[in-house]
Amino acid sequence: MNYRYAEINIEDINSWDEIVVSSGVHVINNVINVTAKEYSSLAKNSIEESGAEKILNLKFIPDSSINGHYKLMNYFAISEDGKSNEVYLKLIDQRGEENTSQFSTKNTKEKIFTNPGFDSNLAQRSPFNQQSGCMRNPLFSGCWNMMSLFGVLLFLGGLFSIYNNDYNWINSLSGNCQNCLVDVDKLWQGDSQEIKKDSLISSKKTPLVFLDSLNLKQSEFIDISLLWFSKNDMDLILVGPDGELLWKDNPTTGYGTMDISMNDSRLDSLRNYSMMLSLKEAKTTAYEHLYIDKNISLKSGTYSLYVLNSDKRENCNLKDQYIIRYIQNNVTKHYKGELGNSLNNRCLGEKFFKQVYSQKSLEKNLQNGVAHFILDIEIN
């Protein structure tokens, strides 16, 4: 037999006799687990009586392992002054057996609380406890089991992806943007879509509509916008015929203006690069904008447009995807691309700066895969 031993405290010893001889299931509070040896040694100096083979319902008590269906074998009370409230029980564990015939009908709502494997009041109140109302509901428990299975599959899929050094699947679930522009060709067809005031605009799902909603356009002659989807620093660069760069480090030139630059690198009080400040002020959806006014005198020649991945701080295993909206004489074109390498890779712990000073150094970066050439603009 699988015996269990326990001590209970009651207010009046006489009330215990009433509990034993009455019918039905009774809730007994303040249950304390004791060993068989303790039970036997205490029984030597006590009054022992039969338990009348009643079934007891032991309430879930913290730090007690005697929870479940039990059949009372015997009990005794210890009393030095005749007023003791300590009663010791010897019981047979009835878990898993059918005892419903010994329950009174008026106590059917008072279900026996079997041990769920947790030793706290919080576990007793948890909706995921097997004896709670939630888990007794077939719909809830079924959904919970499905969610648990999904969680296991998700965990195994993550381990498999990490083992194969493939982070695309994980990043797609976490919201990082590896394939934001897979269907961008379809989105371009809706470029002329009217933007309604209350319409929901998503930078990733409808990037062209999102760009229009920013109202960046400043010139009908040449107007260029860059959009990307991470806290990394990408740069839009226009190089004039004489080699002068129009970009964040030189936002005003004799031929054009850069009025918006985002996710720029930040320095700390000692003028050193600060990863923390750079990430804190960066946006997960970022854009830059430059333009050339129509009514200015321009040098004849070729103006070359580039995109540079200047500073990589996150998504170390992902390529940064981007969109360029190019407007010339009110005619709009779009370009897309992705850059995996970067000029400054903070993911590798780099703290120093590598800089672009000229068109020559920019073209060198093309060979290293940290910059893209977009197009040449011929001005006569």
Protein backbone atom coordinates (compact mmCIF):
# COMPACT_ATOMS: atom_id res chain seq x y z
CA MET A 1 0.00 0.00 0.00
CA ASN A 2 1.10 3.54 -0.72
CA TYR A 3 0.62 5.14 2.68
CA ARG A 4 0.90 8.87 3.37
CA TYR A 5 1.13 10.56 6.77
CA ALA A 6 -0.01 14.03 7.70
CA GLU A 7 -0.75 16.38 10.57
CA ILE A 8 -3.71 18.76 10.62
CA ASN A 9 -4.61 21.55 13.01
CA ILE A 10 -8.23 22.11 13.91
CA GLU A 11 -9.89 24.55 16.28
CA ASP A 12 -11.76 21.95 18.33
CA ILE A 13 -10.71 18.33 18.75
CA ASN A 14 -14.34 17.28 19.06
CA SER A 15 -15.11 18.65 15.60
CA TRP A 16 -12.68 16.09 14.15
CA ASP A 17 -14.85 13.24 15.45
CA GLU A 18 -17.84 14.79 13.71
CA ILE A 19 -15.88 14.95 10.44
CA VAL A 20 -14.92 11.28 10.59
CA VAL A 21 -18.37 9.92 11.27
CA SER A 22 -20.18 12.19 8.77
CA SER A 23 -20.65 11.28 5.10
CA GLY A 24 -19.22 12.88 2.01
CA VAL A 25 -15.96 14.70 1.24
CA HIS A 26 -14.48 17.16 3.70
CA VAL A 27 -11.94 19.90 3.16
CA ILE A 28 -9.17 19.87 5.75
CA ASN A 29 -6.90 22.91 6.06
CA ASN A 30 -3.37 23.32 7.42
CA VAL A 31 -2.01 19.95 6.25
CA ILE A 32 1.60 19.23 7.17
CA ASN A 33 3.52 16.28 5.77
CA VAL A 34 5.17 13.94 8.27
CA THR A 35 7.24 10.81 7.80
CA ALA A 36 6.18 7.28 8.73
CA LYS A 37 8.83 7.28 11.47
CA GLU A 38 7.48 10.48 12.96
CA TYR A 39 3.96 9.10 12.79
CA SER A 40 4.92 5.87 14.58
CA SER A 41 6.89 7.60 17.34
CA LEU A 42 4.04 10.01 18.06
CA ALA A 43 1.47 7.23 18.06
CA LYS A 44 3.08 5.62 21.12
CA ASN A 45 1.86 8.45 23.34
CA SER A 46 -1.53 9.06 21.79
CA ILE A 47 -5.08 7.84 21.61
CA GLU A 48 -5.55 5.94 18.35
CA GLU A 49 -8.91 5.20 16.80
CA SER A 50 -10.21 3.78 13.53
CA GLY A 51 -10.77 6.17 10.68
CA ALA A 52 -13.91 4.41 9.45
CA GLU A 53 -12.44 4.24 5.90
CA LYS A 54 -13.60 7.70 4.94
CA ILE A 55 -12.33 9.57 1.88
CA LEU A 56 -10.68 12.90 2.67
CA ASN A 57 -10.17 15.92 0.44
CA LEU A 58 -6.84 17.51 1.38
CA LYS A 59 -6.67 21.09 0.17
CA PHE A 60 -3.66 22.28 -1.85
CA ILE A 61 -1.26 23.57 0.79
CA PRO A 62 2.18 25.14 0.08
CA ASP A 63 5.12 22.84 0.86
CA SER A 64 2.87 19.80 1.20
CA SER A 65 3.18 16.71 -0.96
CA ILE A 66 -0.01 15.09 0.34
CA ASN A 67 -2.47 16.31 -2.24
CA GLY A 68 -5.06 14.16 -3.93
CA HIS A 69 -7.54 11.40 -3.20
CA TYR A 70 -6.94 9.58 0.06
CA LYS A 71 -8.66 6.91 2.08
CA LEU A 72 -8.40 7.47 5.82
CA MET A 73 -6.98 4.36 7.55
CA ASN A 74 -6.60 5.66 11.10
CA TYR A 75 -5.80 8.73 13.06
CA PHE A 76 -4.72 9.80 16.53
CA ALA A 77 -4.62 12.99 18.55
CA ILE A 78 -1.83 14.03 20.89
CA SER A 79 -2.86 15.96 23.95
CA GLU A 80 -0.90 16.79 27.06
CA ASP A 81 -3.53 19.09 28.49
CA GLY A 82 -6.64 17.55 26.96
CA LYS A 83 -7.13 20.51 24.65
CA SER A 84 -4.74 19.70 21.83
CA ASN A 85 -5.79 20.44 18.25
CA GLU A 86 -3.13 18.25 16.62
CA VAL A 87 -4.50 15.28 14.69
CA TYR A 88 -2.25 12.82 12.82
CA LEU A 89 -3.51 10.84 9.82
CA LYS A 90 -2.49 7.62 8.10
CA LEU A 91 -3.95 7.40 4.61
CA ILE A 92 -3.85 5.32 1.45
CA ASP A 93 -3.23 7.23 -1.78
CA GLN A 94 -6.30 6.70 -4.00
CA ARG A 95 -5.09 8.71 -6.98
CA GLY A 96 -6.19 7.26 -10.28
CA GLU A 97 -8.93 5.09 -8.75
CA GLU A 98 -12.66 5.62 -9.05
CA ASN A 99 -14.04 6.89 -5.76
CA THR A 100 -16.99 8.89 -7.01
CA SER A 101 -19.47 6.46 -5.42
CA GLN A 102 -18.32 7.57 -1.99
CA PHE A 103 -19.04 11.25 -2.63
CA SER A 104 -22.28 12.90 -1.56
CA THR A 105 -24.27 14.66 -4.27
CA LYS A 106 -24.32 17.98 -2.46
CA ASN A 107 -20.53 18.10 -2.63
CA THR A 108 -20.12 17.42 -6.36
CA LYS A 109 -19.10 21.03 -6.98
CA GLU A 110 -16.31 20.62 -4.47
CA LYS A 111 -13.96 18.69 -6.74
CA ILE A 112 -11.00 16.95 -5.24
CA PHE A 113 -7.86 18.91 -6.03
CA THR A 114 -5.19 16.51 -7.24
CA ASN A 115 -1.55 17.43 -7.10
CA PRO A 116 -0.63 19.40 -10.28
CA GLY A 117 3.07 19.19 -9.53
CA PHE A 118 3.42 22.74 -8.21
CA ASP A 119 3.88 23.71 -4.59
CA SER A 120 2.47 27.23 -4.40
CA ASN A 121 -0.81 29.09 -4.13
CA LEU A 122 0.04 30.79 -7.41
CA ALA A 123 0.12 27.41 -9.15
CA GLN A 124 -3.26 26.58 -7.65
CA ARG A 125 -4.80 29.71 -9.15
CA SER A 126 -3.06 29.34 -12.51
CA PRO A 127 -5.42 28.86 -15.48
CA PHE A 128 -3.00 26.21 -16.79
CA ASN A 129 -3.43 24.00 -13.73
CA GLN A 130 -5.00 20.69 -14.75
CA GLN A 131 -7.68 21.09 -12.08
CA SER A 132 -8.59 24.69 -12.93
CA GLY A 133 -11.80 25.65 -14.69
CA CYS A 134 -9.86 26.75 -17.77
CA MET A 135 -8.06 23.45 -18.26
CA ARG A 136 -11.26 21.51 -17.69
CA ASN A 137 -12.74 23.36 -20.63
CA PRO A 138 -12.06 21.18 -23.72
CA LEU A 139 -11.78 24.20 -26.03
CA PHE A 140 -9.24 26.01 -23.84
CA SER A 141 -7.15 22.92 -23.11
CA GLY A 142 -7.20 21.93 -26.79
CA CYS A 143 -5.98 25.36 -27.88
CA TRP A 144 -3.31 25.31 -25.17
CA ASN A 145 -2.05 21.92 -26.32
CA MET A 146 -1.86 23.17 -29.91
CA MET A 147 0.06 26.25 -28.79
CA SER A 148 2.46 24.07 -26.81
CA LEU A 149 3.09 21.90 -29.88
CA PHE A 150 3.65 24.99 -32.01
CA GLY A 151 6.13 26.30 -29.42
CA VAL A 152 8.13 23.05 -29.57
CA LEU A 153 8.21 23.14 -33.39
CA LEU A 154 9.24 26.80 -33.31
CA PHE A 155 12.08 26.03 -30.90
CA LEU A 156 13.32 23.11 -33.00
CA GLY A 157 13.12 25.20 -36.17
CA GLY A 158 15.19 27.92 -34.51
CA LEU A 159 17.86 25.44 -33.45
CA PHE A 160 17.97 23.97 -36.95
CA SER A 161 18.37 27.45 -38.50
CA ILE A 162 21.19 28.38 -36.11
CA TYR A 163 22.92 25.04 -36.76
CA ASN A 164 22.86 25.73 -40.51
CA ASN A 165 23.90 29.35 -40.02
CA ASP A 166 20.66 30.47 -41.65
CA TYR A 167 19.00 33.30 -39.75
CA ASN A 168 16.46 34.30 -42.39
CA TRP A 169 13.64 32.23 -40.90
CA ILE A 170 14.26 33.53 -37.37
CA ASN A 171 14.51 37.14 -38.50
CA SER A 172 11.32 36.89 -40.53
CA LEU A 173 9.48 35.84 -37.35
CA SER A 174 11.11 38.54 -35.24
CA GLY A 175 10.15 41.28 -37.68
CA ASN A 176 13.62 42.01 -39.04
CA CYS A 177 13.43 42.92 -42.69
CA GLN A 178 15.35 40.50 -44.88
CA ASN A 179 12.83 40.19 -47.73
CA CYS A 180 10.82 43.35 -47.39
CA LEU A 181 11.11 44.04 -51.10
CA VAL A 182 10.49 40.58 -52.55
CA ASP A 183 7.21 41.74 -54.09
CA VAL A 184 8.19 45.35 -54.56
CA ASP A 185 7.60 45.15 -58.34
CA LYS A 186 3.93 44.59 -57.63
CA LEU A 187 3.93 47.53 -55.25
CA TRP A 188 5.39 49.84 -57.86
CA GLN A 189 2.25 49.40 -59.93
CA GLY A 190 0.36 51.21 -57.19
CA ASP A 191 2.73 54.18 -57.14
CA SER A 192 0.01 56.53 -58.29
CA GLN A 193 -2.36 55.27 -55.60
CA GLU A 194 -4.16 58.11 -53.90
CA ILE A 195 -3.18 58.45 -50.24
CA LYS A 196 -6.25 58.72 -48.07
CA LYS A 197 -6.04 60.57 -44.80
CA ASP A 198 -7.10 57.63 -42.65
CA SER A 199 -5.52 54.84 -44.69
CA LEU A 200 -3.07 52.52 -42.94
CA ILE A 201 0.38 52.94 -44.47
CA SER A 202 3.14 50.39 -43.85
CA SER A 203 6.74 51.22 -44.78
CA LYS A 204 7.50 47.54 -45.50
CA LYS A 205 4.29 46.41 -47.19
CA THR A 206 3.66 49.59 -49.18
CA PRO A 207 7.03 51.38 -49.27
CA LEU A 208 6.22 53.57 -52.27
CA VAL A 209 2.99 54.77 -50.78
CA PHE A 210 4.87 55.32 -47.52
CA LEU A 211 7.45 57.48 -49.31
CA ASP A 212 4.71 59.59 -50.87
CA SER A 213 3.11 60.05 -47.47
CA LEU A 214 6.33 61.65 -46.14
CA ASN A 215 5.98 64.61 -48.56
CA LEU A 216 9.74 64.79 -49.10
CA LYS A 217 9.61 66.21 -52.62
CA GLN A 218 11.20 69.63 -52.94
CA SER A 219 11.97 69.91 -56.65
CA GLU A 220 10.31 69.01 -59.94
CA PHE A 221 13.69 68.96 -61.62
CA ILE A 222 15.74 66.37 -59.71
CA ASP A 223 14.46 64.97 -56.43
CA ILE A 224 15.90 61.79 -54.84
CA SER A 225 14.79 59.82 -51.78
CA LEU A 226 16.31 56.74 -50.10
CA LEU A 227 14.30 54.42 -47.84
CA TRP A 228 15.62 51.48 -45.80
CA PHE A 229 14.44 49.29 -42.93
CA SER A 230 16.95 49.03 -40.08
CA LYS A 231 18.85 51.08 -37.51
CA ASN A 232 21.96 50.84 -39.66
CA ASP A 233 23.29 53.99 -41.33
CA MET A 234 22.89 54.09 -45.10
CA ASP A 235 23.85 57.14 -47.14
CA LEU A 236 22.56 58.70 -50.32
CA ILE A 237 25.44 60.33 -52.23
CA LEU A 238 25.38 62.45 -55.39
CA VAL A 239 28.74 63.25 -57.00
CA GLY A 240 29.03 66.33 -59.27
CA PRO A 241 31.11 66.67 -62.47
CA ASP A 242 33.99 68.19 -60.53
CA GLY A 243 33.98 65.37 -57.93
CA GLU A 244 32.23 67.27 -55.14
CA LEU A 245 30.06 65.00 -52.96
CA LEU A 246 26.56 66.00 -51.92
CA TRP A 247 25.71 63.91 -48.83
CA LYS A 248 25.31 64.08 -45.05
CA ASP A 249 28.88 65.32 -44.44
CA ASN A 250 28.50 67.99 -47.12
CA PRO A 251 24.76 68.75 -47.24
CA THR A 252 24.99 72.01 -49.22
CA THR A 253 26.86 72.32 -52.52
CA GLY A 254 26.79 74.66 -55.49
CA TYR A 255 24.44 72.31 -57.30
CA GLY A 256 22.17 70.69 -54.68
CA THR A 257 20.96 70.28 -51.12
CA MET A 258 20.53 67.35 -48.75
CA ASP A 259 17.79 68.33 -46.29
CA ILE A 260 17.20 65.00 -44.51
CA SER A 261 19.77 62.52 -43.19
CA MET A 262 18.88 59.78 -40.67
CA ASN A 263 20.59 57.19 -38.47
CA ASP A 264 23.86 59.11 -38.51
CA SER A 265 26.64 57.92 -36.22
CA ARG A 266 26.84 59.64 -32.83
CA LEU A 267 29.86 60.60 -30.75
CA ASP A 268 30.15 60.61 -26.97
CA SER A 269 31.46 63.46 -24.82
CA LEU A 270 35.05 62.41 -25.62
CA ARG A 271 34.30 62.58 -29.36
CA ASN A 272 34.51 58.80 -29.70
CA TYR A 273 32.00 56.69 -31.59
CA SER A 274 29.10 55.64 -29.35
CA MET A 275 27.22 52.51 -30.31
CA MET A 276 24.66 53.16 -27.57
CA LEU A 277 23.87 56.73 -28.67
CA SER A 278 23.81 55.74 -32.33
CA LEU A 279 21.26 52.98 -31.76
CA LYS A 280 19.23 55.08 -29.32
CA GLU A 281 18.63 57.85 -31.84
CA ALA A 282 18.29 55.61 -34.90
CA LYS A 283 14.96 54.59 -36.45
CA THR A 284 13.98 51.15 -37.73
CA THR A 285 12.45 52.80 -40.80
CA ALA A 286 14.81 55.50 -42.07
CA TYR A 287 15.14 57.73 -45.11
CA GLU A 288 17.30 60.43 -46.69
CA HIS A 289 16.50 63.09 -49.22
CA LEU A 290 18.37 65.43 -51.57
CA TYR A 291 17.36 67.59 -54.53
CA ILE A 292 18.56 69.97 -57.25
CA ASP A 293 16.47 73.06 -57.89
CA LYS A 294 15.29 73.83 -61.42
CA ASN A 295 16.21 77.48 -61.58
CA ILE A 296 19.94 77.27 -60.85
CA SER A 297 22.95 77.29 -63.11
CA LEU A 298 24.50 73.83 -63.23
CA LYS A 299 27.83 72.72 -64.61
CA SER A 300 27.50 70.51 -67.63
CA GLY A 301 28.62 66.95 -67.17
CA THR A 302 27.78 63.76 -65.35
CA TYR A 303 26.21 63.63 -61.89
CA SER A 304 26.55 60.14 -60.39
CA LEU A 305 24.25 58.70 -57.75
CA TYR A 306 25.41 56.14 -55.16
CA VAL A 307 24.12 54.33 -52.06
CA LEU A 308 26.62 53.55 -49.30
CA ASN A 309 26.13 51.21 -46.34
CA SER A 310 28.10 53.36 -43.95
CA ASP A 311 27.57 51.96 -40.46
CA LYS A 312 26.24 48.46 -39.61
CA ARG A 313 25.07 48.11 -36.01
CA GLU A 314 22.38 45.41 -36.04
CA ASN A 315 20.98 42.62 -38.23
CA CYS A 316 24.54 41.42 -38.59
CA ASN A 317 23.57 38.38 -40.67
CA LEU A 318 21.10 40.25 -42.88
CA LYS A 319 21.46 42.38 -45.96
CA ASP A 320 20.07 45.90 -45.77
CA GLN A 321 17.41 46.36 -48.42
CA TYR A 322 16.60 49.78 -49.80
CA ILE A 323 14.40 51.67 -52.26
CA ILE A 324 15.31 54.82 -54.18
CA ARG A 325 12.68 57.12 -55.64
CA TYR A 326 14.19 59.21 -58.43
CA ILE A 327 12.21 62.12 -59.89
CA GLN A 328 13.44 64.11 -62.90
CA ASN A 329 11.21 66.67 -64.60
CA ASN A 330 8.21 65.16 -62.78
CA VAL A 331 8.94 61.66 -64.15
CA THR A 332 9.33 59.11 -61.34
CA LYS A 333 11.47 55.98 -61.37
CA HIS A 334 12.27 53.51 -58.62
CA TYR A 335 15.37 51.46 -57.89
CA LYS A 336 15.83 48.72 -55.35
CA GLY A 337 18.82 46.85 -53.97
CA GLU A 338 20.47 45.33 -50.94
CA LEU A 339 23.87 45.70 -49.32
CA GLY A 340 25.30 43.04 -47.01
CA ASN A 341 28.70 44.59 -46.27
CA SER A 342 29.32 47.96 -44.66
CA LEU A 343 32.07 50.53 -44.45
CA ASN A 344 32.08 50.41 -40.63
CA ASN A 345 30.94 47.11 -39.19
CA ARG A 346 30.08 47.61 -35.51
CA CYS A 347 28.83 44.01 -35.38
CA LEU A 348 32.49 43.00 -35.49
CA GLY A 349 33.34 45.36 -32.63
CA GLU A 350 34.89 48.09 -34.80
CA LYS A 351 35.13 51.41 -32.95
CA PHE A 352 37.11 53.50 -35.40
CA PHE A 353 35.76 55.29 -38.48
CA LYS A 354 36.46 54.57 -42.12
CA GLN A 355 35.40 57.54 -44.17
CA VAL A 356 34.48 58.48 -47.74
CA TYR A 357 36.39 61.56 -48.91
CA SER A 358 36.09 61.50 -52.67
CA GLN A 359 34.50 59.84 -55.67
CA LYS A 360 37.65 57.75 -56.00
CA SER A 361 37.31 56.30 -52.48
CA LEU A 362 33.59 55.78 -53.11
CA GLU A 363 34.30 53.78 -56.27
CA LYS A 364 36.79 51.70 -54.31
CA ASN A 365 33.98 50.80 -51.92
CA LEU A 366 32.00 49.48 -54.88
CA GLN A 367 34.59 46.73 -55.24
CA ASN A 368 34.22 45.81 -51.54
CA GLY A 369 30.45 45.49 -51.82
CA VAL A 370 29.63 48.27 -49.37
CA ALA A 371 28.26 50.71 -51.98
CA HIS A 372 26.11 50.59 -55.11
CA PHE A 373 26.23 52.77 -58.18
CA ILE A 374 22.65 53.71 -59.13
CA LEU A 375 22.76 55.89 -62.25
CA ASP A 376 24.42 58.77 -64.09
CA ILE A 377 22.54 62.02 -64.69
CA GLU A 378 23.70 63.90 -67.77
CA ILE A 379 23.36 67.68 -67.59
CA ASN A 380 24.05 69.63 -70.78
